[in-house]
Amino acid sequence: MVYVLIWVIVGGTATFFGPILGVVTLTVINEVVLRQLGLDLWRPLFYGVVLIVSIRYLPAGLESIPQRWREWRLRTQGDEAPVAEKGSGPV
């Protein structure tokens, strides 16, 4: 049951596809990387580290990456329109 919670948290909870993204991503990593390298016994440690990193740096889960990438791209290109500060408009 702990792995199910990790899949949901890592994938994201805002949409239907967030947990599915978490399951697919972590299962591929588990099956391809950990089993190929013979690190099956390290799976709980790996999942714990992924959970901590996800909560720290991606609190909205993997599903927030496209939105964060778009926001970053807009900031770096200078396409973002200046936002009026509260109270600075006409009276």
Protein backbone atom coordinates (compact mmCIF):
# COMPACT_ATOMS: atom_id res chain seq x y z
CA MET A 1 0.00 0.00 0.00
CA VAL A 2 2.92 2.34 0.63
CA TYR A 3 4.01 2.03 -2.99
CA VAL A 4 0.52 3.04 -4.15
CA LEU A 5 0.73 6.21 -2.06
CA ILE A 6 4.20 6.96 -3.41
CA TRP A 7 2.96 6.52 -7.00
CA VAL A 8 0.12 8.96 -6.37
CA ILE A 9 2.26 11.56 -4.60
CA VAL A 10 5.05 11.41 -7.18
CA GLY A 11 2.64 11.56 -10.12
CA GLY A 12 0.42 14.27 -8.70
CA THR A 13 -3.12 14.41 -7.40
CA ALA A 14 -4.66 17.30 -9.34
CA THR A 15 -5.77 15.27 -12.35
CA PHE A 16 -6.82 11.74 -13.21
CA PHE A 17 -3.61 11.16 -15.17
CA GLY A 18 -1.17 12.24 -12.43
CA PRO A 19 -1.19 8.95 -10.50
CA ILE A 20 -1.04 7.03 -13.78
CA LEU A 21 2.05 9.04 -14.73
CA GLY A 22 3.59 8.20 -11.35
CA VAL A 23 2.89 4.48 -11.75
CA VAL A 24 4.28 4.32 -15.26
CA THR A 25 7.40 6.34 -14.45
CA LEU A 26 8.32 4.48 -11.29
CA THR A 27 7.49 1.07 -12.75
CA VAL A 28 9.69 1.69 -15.79
CA ILE A 29 12.52 2.86 -13.55
CA ASN A 30 12.04 -0.14 -11.28
CA GLU A 31 11.84 -2.73 -14.05
CA VAL A 32 14.46 -1.33 -16.39
CA VAL A 33 17.03 0.32 -14.16
CA LEU A 34 16.88 -1.41 -10.79
CA ARG A 35 16.41 -4.95 -12.08
CA GLN A 36 18.98 -4.61 -14.86
CA LEU A 37 21.55 -3.36 -12.36
CA GLY A 38 20.62 -6.03 -9.81
CA LEU A 39 19.50 -3.46 -7.25
CA ASP A 40 16.14 -5.05 -6.32
CA LEU A 41 17.02 -4.97 -2.64
CA TRP A 42 17.52 -1.19 -2.85
CA ARG A 43 13.95 -0.58 -4.10
CA PRO A 44 12.54 0.69 -0.76
CA LEU A 45 15.46 3.10 -0.36
CA PHE A 46 15.07 4.30 -3.94
CA TYR A 47 11.34 4.88 -3.52
CA GLY A 48 11.95 6.75 -0.26
CA VAL A 49 14.50 9.05 -1.88
CA VAL A 50 12.20 9.64 -4.86
CA LEU A 51 9.35 10.47 -2.48
CA ILE A 52 11.42 12.96 -0.48
CA VAL A 53 12.81 14.65 -3.60
CA SER A 54 9.35 14.79 -5.16
CA ILE A 55 7.77 16.38 -2.10
CA ARG A 56 10.64 18.86 -1.79
CA TYR A 57 11.04 19.96 -5.40
CA LEU A 58 7.76 18.93 -7.12
CA PRO A 59 5.00 19.27 -4.52
CA ALA A 60 2.35 19.09 -7.28
CA GLY A 61 3.94 15.94 -8.73
CA LEU A 62 5.27 15.07 -12.15
CA GLU A 63 2.13 16.43 -13.77
CA SER A 64 3.26 19.96 -12.86
CA ILE A 65 6.45 19.75 -14.94
CA PRO A 66 4.94 20.96 -18.26
CA GLN A 67 3.34 23.98 -16.57
CA ARG A 68 6.52 24.83 -14.66
CA TRP A 69 8.54 24.47 -17.86
CA ARG A 70 6.20 26.84 -19.73
CA GLU A 71 6.40 29.41 -16.92
CA TRP A 72 10.19 29.15 -16.84
CA ARG A 73 10.38 29.56 -20.63
CA LEU A 74 8.19 32.65 -20.52
CA ARG A 75 10.32 34.19 -17.78
CA THR A 76 13.59 33.53 -19.58
CA GLN A 77 12.34 34.82 -22.93
CA GLY A 78 10.85 37.95 -21.44
CA ASP A 79 7.46 37.30 -23.07
CA GLU A 80 5.65 37.63 -19.79
CA ALA A 81 3.60 40.81 -19.60
CA PRO A 82 4.34 42.99 -16.58
CA VAL A 83 1.87 42.38 -13.82
CA ALA A 84 0.42 45.44 -12.12
CA GLU A 85 1.08 45.48 -8.42
CA LYS A 86 -1.78 45.68 -6.01
CA GLY A 87 -2.79 49.26 -5.41
CA SER A 88 -0.75 50.72 -8.28
CA GLY A 89 -3.68 51.15 -10.67
CA PRO A 90 -5.82 54.25 -11.24
CA VAL A 91 -7.91 55.40 -8.32
